[in-house]
Amino acid sequence: MVDPMTFLTQLYVMVDDFCQSHLPAEHHPGPDAALCRSEVVTLALWAQWARFASERDFYRWARRHLQAAFARLPDRTQFNRACAHQQAALVAFFRYLTQQLAVHKATYEVLDSLAVATRNVRRRGRGWLWGQAALGHSNRLGWYEGLQLLLAATPEGVGTGFGVAPGNIRDQPLAETFFALRQQPEPLLPSVGAPASGSYVADKGFYGRHQHAQWRERYGVTMVCAPQRHSRDQPHPWPKEWRRWLAGLRQIVESVNEKLLHWLRLERERPHRLTGLLTRLAAKMALHNFCIWLNQQLGRPSLAFADLIAW
């Protein structure tokens, strides 16, 4: 367990070292910004803790407690624009942390989709993220209007890549796009990460013998997931022992989802703009991986977030 300022200092040191050594220098006309890139990235990560009820709550806390460390805190709206401007840096730091956590040694990665609601499904009108969010269904929320987050994680819980799509997109086409982007990277979508060094494990929503064969041929992907119980293309259903074994492998991604939803405030996201959501998702994923890295340095369980900071 560390106190908040110690945690924040360690986070800033790592972020600053990364920005200085892995990112090109920033050049912009006009006077210097109130916060440098390292400070913006650090505060963007720090703001994701569920200890803060909202962005406004975080900024009130920052003005009370961080004026000594960040003497030139700007107006909150200006800070939000600065965070959006550093979205690429946040994604790059997330990917840097995956390298530090040696994800290339993972024998498999777990793939899962997670519903992210953007508004109450019963509200009338166009709502937030109109034209980008869509009506979908999840076991956790039931019917919801919003997006789907596709996430890949190692058996240790390290996030290796993520992407978002409208809530009505099914798991299979979502995974298809994910694998394609990993095989042939798109500079505008770096958050999906690098191809897994081993197999992928997923739930039955990703099942399809034809799709799995195509993924193996096109992207070199080996997918392991249980078939639907009454699937036509799987005449021999899996026995209970196999399903239990696969559920045990998949359990880690449920723990990762729980950290994102509750400890990093994803459950309370109600974004007005896709850019803001993607920026905060990158910050949440980077903070998640940083907490795992710090826990390992301290000799603690990787996903022990609850008592990591002595608030």
Protein backbone atom coordinates (compact mmCIF):
# COMPACT_ATOMS: atom_id res chain seq x y z
CA MET A 1 0.00 0.00 0.00
CA VAL A 2 1.30 3.46 -0.92
CA ASP A 3 0.02 6.93 -0.16
CA PRO A 4 -1.55 8.93 -3.02
CA MET A 5 1.37 11.30 -3.55
CA THR A 6 3.89 8.46 -3.68
CA PHE A 7 1.75 6.68 -6.26
CA LEU A 8 1.36 9.87 -8.26
CA THR A 9 5.11 10.56 -8.14
CA GLN A 10 5.97 7.06 -9.38
CA LEU A 11 3.39 7.39 -12.12
CA TYR A 12 4.74 10.77 -13.22
CA VAL A 13 8.35 9.56 -13.27
CA MET A 14 7.47 6.61 -15.50
CA VAL A 15 5.29 8.73 -17.79
CA ASP A 16 7.94 11.43 -18.11
CA ASP A 17 10.69 8.91 -18.88
CA PHE A 18 8.47 7.39 -21.55
CA CYS A 19 7.54 10.74 -23.12
CA GLN A 20 11.16 11.89 -23.20
CA SER A 21 12.53 8.66 -24.69
CA HIS A 22 9.73 7.30 -26.90
CA LEU A 23 7.74 10.26 -28.22
CA PRO A 24 8.88 13.03 -30.56
CA ALA A 25 9.30 16.48 -29.09
CA GLU A 26 6.24 18.70 -29.28
CA HIS A 27 6.46 21.95 -31.25
CA HIS A 28 3.60 24.42 -31.27
CA PRO A 29 3.38 28.17 -31.87
CA GLY A 30 2.42 30.62 -29.21
CA PRO A 31 3.11 30.67 -25.48
CA ASP A 32 3.92 27.53 -23.52
CA ALA A 33 0.98 25.41 -22.40
CA ALA A 34 0.01 25.45 -18.75
CA LEU A 35 0.88 21.74 -18.46
CA CYS A 36 3.50 19.80 -20.38
CA ARG A 37 2.65 16.52 -22.10
CA SER A 38 3.95 14.37 -19.23
CA GLU A 39 1.80 16.28 -16.73
CA VAL A 40 -1.33 16.00 -18.86
CA VAL A 41 -0.88 12.24 -19.36
CA THR A 42 -0.19 11.70 -15.66
CA LEU A 43 -3.27 13.61 -14.54
CA ALA A 44 -5.43 11.97 -17.22
CA LEU A 45 -4.50 8.56 -15.79
CA TRP A 46 -4.92 9.67 -12.19
CA ALA A 47 -8.39 11.05 -12.92
CA GLN A 48 -9.76 7.59 -13.77
CA TRP A 49 -9.87 6.29 -10.19
CA ALA A 50 -13.39 5.52 -8.92
CA ARG A 51 -12.49 7.51 -5.79
CA PHE A 52 -13.53 10.51 -7.91
CA ALA A 53 -17.25 10.55 -8.64
CA SER A 54 -16.78 12.50 -11.87
CA GLU A 55 -14.34 14.67 -13.81
CA ARG A 56 -15.58 17.69 -11.89
CA ASP A 57 -14.94 15.89 -8.61
CA PHE A 58 -11.42 14.98 -9.71
CA TYR A 59 -10.61 18.55 -10.67
CA ARG A 60 -11.88 19.92 -7.38
CA TRP A 61 -9.62 17.40 -5.60
CA ALA A 62 -6.68 18.33 -7.83
CA ARG A 63 -7.07 22.04 -7.06
CA ARG A 64 -7.07 21.31 -3.34
CA HIS A 65 -4.25 18.77 -3.21
CA LEU A 66 -2.03 19.11 -6.30
CA GLN A 67 -1.31 22.84 -6.57
CA ALA A 68 2.17 22.31 -5.11
CA ALA A 69 3.06 19.62 -7.69
CA PHE A 70 1.15 21.14 -10.64
CA ALA A 71 1.28 24.86 -10.00
CA ARG A 72 -0.26 25.88 -13.34
CA LEU A 73 -3.44 23.85 -13.37
CA PRO A 74 -5.64 25.37 -16.09
CA ASP A 75 -9.40 25.63 -16.23
CA ARG A 76 -11.10 22.23 -16.26
CA THR A 77 -12.41 22.58 -19.82
CA GLN A 78 -8.93 23.53 -21.01
CA PHE A 79 -7.52 20.47 -19.25
CA ASN A 80 -10.12 18.24 -20.97
CA ARG A 81 -9.05 19.60 -24.35
CA ALA A 82 -5.41 18.96 -23.46
CA CYS A 83 -6.25 15.34 -22.55
CA ALA A 84 -8.03 14.80 -25.87
CA HIS A 85 -5.00 16.28 -27.64
CA GLN A 86 -2.80 13.67 -25.91
CA GLN A 87 -4.96 10.65 -26.80
CA ALA A 88 -2.21 9.20 -29.01
CA ALA A 89 0.31 9.60 -26.18
CA LEU A 90 -2.04 7.79 -23.78
CA VAL A 91 -2.41 4.87 -26.20
CA ALA A 92 1.35 4.80 -26.77
CA PHE A 93 1.97 4.69 -23.01
CA PHE A 94 -0.57 1.86 -22.68
CA ARG A 95 1.30 -0.14 -25.32
CA TYR A 96 4.64 0.68 -23.71
CA LEU A 97 3.38 -0.80 -20.44
CA THR A 98 2.35 -4.01 -22.20
CA GLN A 99 5.97 -4.36 -23.35
CA GLN A 100 7.27 -3.72 -19.83
CA LEU A 101 4.96 -6.47 -18.56
CA ALA A 102 6.33 -8.96 -21.13
CA VAL A 103 3.01 -9.84 -22.74
CA HIS A 104 4.90 -11.49 -25.63
CA LYS A 105 5.58 -14.40 -23.28
CA ALA A 106 1.87 -15.10 -22.67
CA THR A 107 0.79 -18.56 -23.84
CA TYR A 108 -2.68 -17.25 -24.71
CA GLU A 109 -4.86 -14.15 -24.55
CA VAL A 110 -8.49 -13.94 -23.45
CA LEU A 111 -10.86 -12.02 -25.69
CA ASP A 112 -14.11 -10.56 -24.40
CA SER A 113 -16.64 -7.86 -25.21
CA LEU A 114 -18.05 -5.47 -22.62
CA ALA A 115 -21.12 -3.25 -22.91
CA VAL A 116 -20.58 0.49 -22.36
CA ALA A 117 -23.88 2.33 -21.98
CA THR A 118 -24.02 5.94 -23.14
CA ARG A 119 -27.58 6.77 -22.08
CA ASN A 120 -30.76 5.28 -20.63
CA VAL A 121 -32.32 3.04 -23.26
CA ARG A 122 -35.83 4.38 -22.48
CA ARG A 123 -35.00 8.04 -23.05
CA ARG A 124 -36.53 9.67 -26.08
CA GLY A 125 -34.59 11.65 -28.64
CA ARG A 126 -31.27 11.18 -30.32
CA GLY A 127 -29.21 11.17 -27.14
CA TRP A 128 -25.46 11.22 -26.79
CA LEU A 129 -23.15 9.77 -29.48
CA TRP A 130 -26.04 9.75 -31.92
CA GLY A 131 -25.04 7.88 -35.09
CA GLN A 132 -22.18 6.11 -33.27
CA ALA A 133 -23.89 4.34 -30.37
CA ALA A 134 -26.57 1.73 -31.04
CA LEU A 135 -29.09 -0.46 -29.26
CA GLY A 136 -27.50 -3.68 -28.04
CA HIS A 137 -27.96 -6.42 -25.47
CA SER A 138 -25.63 -7.76 -22.81
CA ASN A 139 -26.00 -10.23 -19.96
CA ARG A 140 -24.91 -7.53 -17.50
CA LEU A 141 -27.16 -4.65 -18.60
CA GLY A 142 -29.89 -6.29 -20.64
CA TRP A 143 -30.94 -3.92 -23.43
CA TYR A 144 -28.81 -0.79 -23.53
CA GLU A 145 -27.88 2.01 -25.89
CA GLY A 146 -24.17 2.51 -26.32
CA LEU A 147 -20.99 0.86 -27.48
CA GLN A 148 -19.15 -2.42 -27.16
CA LEU A 149 -15.61 -2.56 -25.83
CA LEU A 150 -13.56 -5.46 -27.16
CA LEU A 151 -10.68 -6.28 -24.84
CA ALA A 152 -7.76 -8.73 -24.94
CA ALA A 153 -5.88 -9.68 -21.76
CA THR A 154 -3.14 -12.10 -20.70
CA PRO A 155 -3.55 -14.79 -18.01
CA GLU A 156 -2.00 -12.27 -15.56
CA GLY A 157 -4.68 -9.69 -16.35
CA VAL A 158 -2.53 -7.36 -18.46
CA GLY A 159 -4.57 -5.57 -21.13
CA THR A 160 -2.92 -6.04 -24.54
CA GLY A 161 -5.39 -4.25 -26.81
CA PHE A 162 -8.87 -2.79 -27.07
CA GLY A 163 -11.31 -1.28 -29.51
CA VAL A 164 -14.91 -0.03 -29.57
CA ALA A 165 -17.87 -0.53 -31.89
CA PRO A 166 -21.62 0.23 -31.84
CA GLY A 167 -23.57 -1.84 -29.34
CA ASN A 168 -25.43 -3.84 -32.01
CA ILE A 169 -22.28 -5.34 -33.58
CA ARG A 170 -21.95 -9.06 -32.92
CA ASP A 171 -18.85 -10.59 -31.39
CA GLN A 172 -17.66 -12.41 -34.51
CA PRO A 173 -17.39 -9.42 -36.91
CA LEU A 174 -15.93 -7.38 -34.06
CA ALA A 175 -13.22 -9.99 -33.54
CA GLU A 176 -12.64 -10.20 -37.30
CA THR A 177 -11.84 -6.48 -37.45
CA PHE A 178 -9.69 -6.75 -34.32
CA PHE A 179 -7.56 -9.56 -35.79
CA ALA A 180 -7.25 -7.79 -39.15
CA LEU A 181 -5.98 -4.61 -37.49
CA ARG A 182 -3.50 -6.58 -35.42
CA GLN A 183 -2.20 -8.35 -38.53
CA GLN A 184 -2.01 -5.17 -40.65
CA PRO A 185 -1.73 -2.26 -38.20
CA GLU A 186 -3.63 0.94 -38.95
CA PRO A 187 -1.80 4.05 -37.66
CA LEU A 188 -5.12 5.65 -36.69
CA LEU A 189 -6.15 2.64 -34.55
CA PRO A 190 -3.07 1.59 -32.57
CA SER A 191 -5.03 0.62 -29.45
CA VAL A 192 -5.74 -2.90 -30.75
CA GLY A 193 -2.13 -3.83 -30.00
CA ALA A 194 0.09 -6.49 -31.54
CA PRO A 195 -0.86 -10.05 -32.55
CA ALA A 196 -0.90 -12.56 -29.71
CA SER A 197 2.06 -14.89 -29.47
CA GLY A 198 -0.26 -17.80 -28.58
CA SER A 199 -3.92 -18.72 -28.94
CA TYR A 200 -7.04 -16.72 -28.13
CA VAL A 201 -9.62 -17.93 -25.61
CA ALA A 202 -13.18 -16.58 -25.77
CA ASP A 203 -16.76 -17.35 -24.81
CA LYS A 204 -19.37 -19.00 -27.03
CA GLY A 205 -20.38 -15.69 -28.60
CA PHE A 206 -17.21 -15.88 -30.71
CA TYR A 207 -17.85 -19.47 -31.82
CA GLY A 208 -18.10 -20.51 -35.47
CA ARG A 209 -16.11 -23.28 -37.17
CA HIS A 210 -16.17 -21.51 -40.53
CA GLN A 211 -15.06 -18.20 -39.02
CA HIS A 212 -12.31 -19.88 -37.00
CA ALA A 213 -10.96 -21.54 -40.12
CA GLN A 214 -10.96 -18.20 -41.95
CA TRP A 215 -9.20 -16.44 -39.06
CA ARG A 216 -6.54 -19.16 -38.97
CA GLU A 217 -5.93 -18.84 -42.70
CA ARG A 218 -6.03 -15.03 -42.95
CA TYR A 219 -4.48 -13.93 -39.66
CA GLY A 220 -2.78 -16.99 -38.19
CA VAL A 221 -5.24 -16.90 -35.27
CA THR A 222 -6.08 -20.00 -33.23
CA MET A 223 -9.36 -19.51 -31.38
CA VAL A 224 -10.48 -21.72 -28.51
CA CYS A 225 -14.10 -21.34 -27.41
CA ALA A 226 -16.94 -23.65 -26.51
CA PRO A 227 -19.68 -24.12 -29.14
CA GLN A 228 -23.28 -23.20 -28.59
CA ARG A 229 -25.09 -26.08 -26.92
CA HIS A 230 -27.35 -26.64 -29.94
CA SER A 231 -24.94 -25.52 -32.66
CA ARG A 232 -25.50 -27.13 -36.06
CA ASP A 233 -21.83 -27.07 -37.06
CA GLN A 234 -20.72 -28.90 -33.89
CA PRO A 235 -22.45 -32.28 -33.79
CA HIS A 236 -20.64 -33.35 -30.62
CA PRO A 237 -21.22 -30.88 -27.74
CA TRP A 238 -18.44 -30.22 -25.29
CA PRO A 239 -18.62 -32.20 -22.05
CA LYS A 240 -19.09 -30.32 -18.81
CA GLU A 241 -15.43 -30.80 -17.82
CA TRP A 242 -14.20 -29.02 -20.95
CA ARG A 243 -16.58 -26.12 -20.42
CA ARG A 244 -15.48 -25.79 -16.81
CA TRP A 245 -11.82 -25.84 -17.89
CA LEU A 246 -12.43 -23.08 -20.45
CA ALA A 247 -14.40 -21.01 -17.95
CA GLY A 248 -11.41 -21.20 -15.61
CA LEU A 249 -9.14 -19.81 -18.33
CA ARG A 250 -11.60 -17.02 -19.09
CA GLN A 251 -12.06 -15.97 -15.47
CA ILE A 252 -9.15 -13.54 -15.65
CA VAL A 253 -10.91 -11.29 -18.17
CA GLU A 254 -13.92 -11.09 -15.85
CA SER A 255 -11.56 -9.75 -13.17
CA VAL A 256 -10.15 -7.21 -15.64
CA ASN A 257 -13.68 -6.12 -16.58
CA GLU A 258 -14.50 -5.68 -12.89
CA LYS A 259 -11.48 -3.42 -12.39
CA LEU A 260 -12.43 -1.29 -15.38
CA LEU A 261 -16.10 -1.04 -14.47
CA HIS A 262 -15.81 -0.37 -10.76
CA TRP A 263 -12.30 0.68 -9.76
CA LEU A 264 -11.65 2.75 -12.90
CA ARG A 265 -15.19 4.17 -13.27
CA LEU A 266 -16.14 2.73 -16.66
CA GLU A 267 -19.57 1.80 -15.25
CA ARG A 268 -20.35 5.50 -14.77
CA GLU A 269 -19.21 6.65 -18.21
CA ARG A 270 -21.84 8.68 -20.03
CA PRO A 271 -19.80 10.21 -22.86
CA HIS A 272 -21.02 13.08 -25.00
CA ARG A 273 -18.33 12.62 -27.66
CA LEU A 274 -16.52 9.57 -28.99
CA THR A 275 -13.16 11.36 -28.76
CA GLY A 276 -13.60 11.89 -25.04
CA LEU A 277 -14.59 8.27 -24.47
CA LEU A 278 -11.61 6.93 -26.44
CA THR A 279 -9.27 9.23 -24.51
CA ARG A 280 -10.59 8.04 -21.16
CA LEU A 281 -10.55 4.39 -22.27
CA ALA A 282 -6.88 4.73 -23.20
CA ALA A 283 -6.22 6.32 -19.80
CA LYS A 284 -8.12 3.56 -17.96
CA MET A 285 -6.28 0.79 -19.80
CA ALA A 286 -2.90 2.45 -19.19
CA LEU A 287 -3.68 3.00 -15.50
CA HIS A 288 -4.82 -0.62 -15.19
CA ASN A 289 -1.51 -1.87 -16.59
CA PHE A 290 0.49 0.57 -14.49
CA CYS A 291 -1.19 -0.71 -11.33
CA ILE A 292 -0.25 -4.27 -12.32
CA TRP A 293 3.35 -3.15 -12.93
CA LEU A 294 3.51 -1.35 -9.57
CA ASN A 295 2.00 -4.30 -7.71
CA GLN A 296 4.65 -6.54 -9.21
CA GLN A 297 7.38 -4.14 -8.12
CA LEU A 298 5.96 -4.21 -4.59
CA GLY A 299 5.64 -8.01 -4.51
CA ARG A 300 1.84 -7.83 -4.35
CA PRO A 301 -0.81 -9.77 -6.33
CA SER A 302 -1.10 -8.22 -9.78
CA LEU A 303 -4.81 -7.32 -9.56
CA ALA A 304 -4.86 -6.16 -5.94
CA PHE A 305 -6.20 -2.68 -6.69
CA ALA A 306 -8.48 -2.27 -3.67
CA ASP A 307 -5.74 -1.52 -1.14
CA LEU A 308 -3.00 -0.32 -3.47
CA ILE A 309 -3.49 3.35 -2.46
CA ALA A 310 -4.01 4.45 1.14
CA TRP A 311 -6.67 7.08 0.41
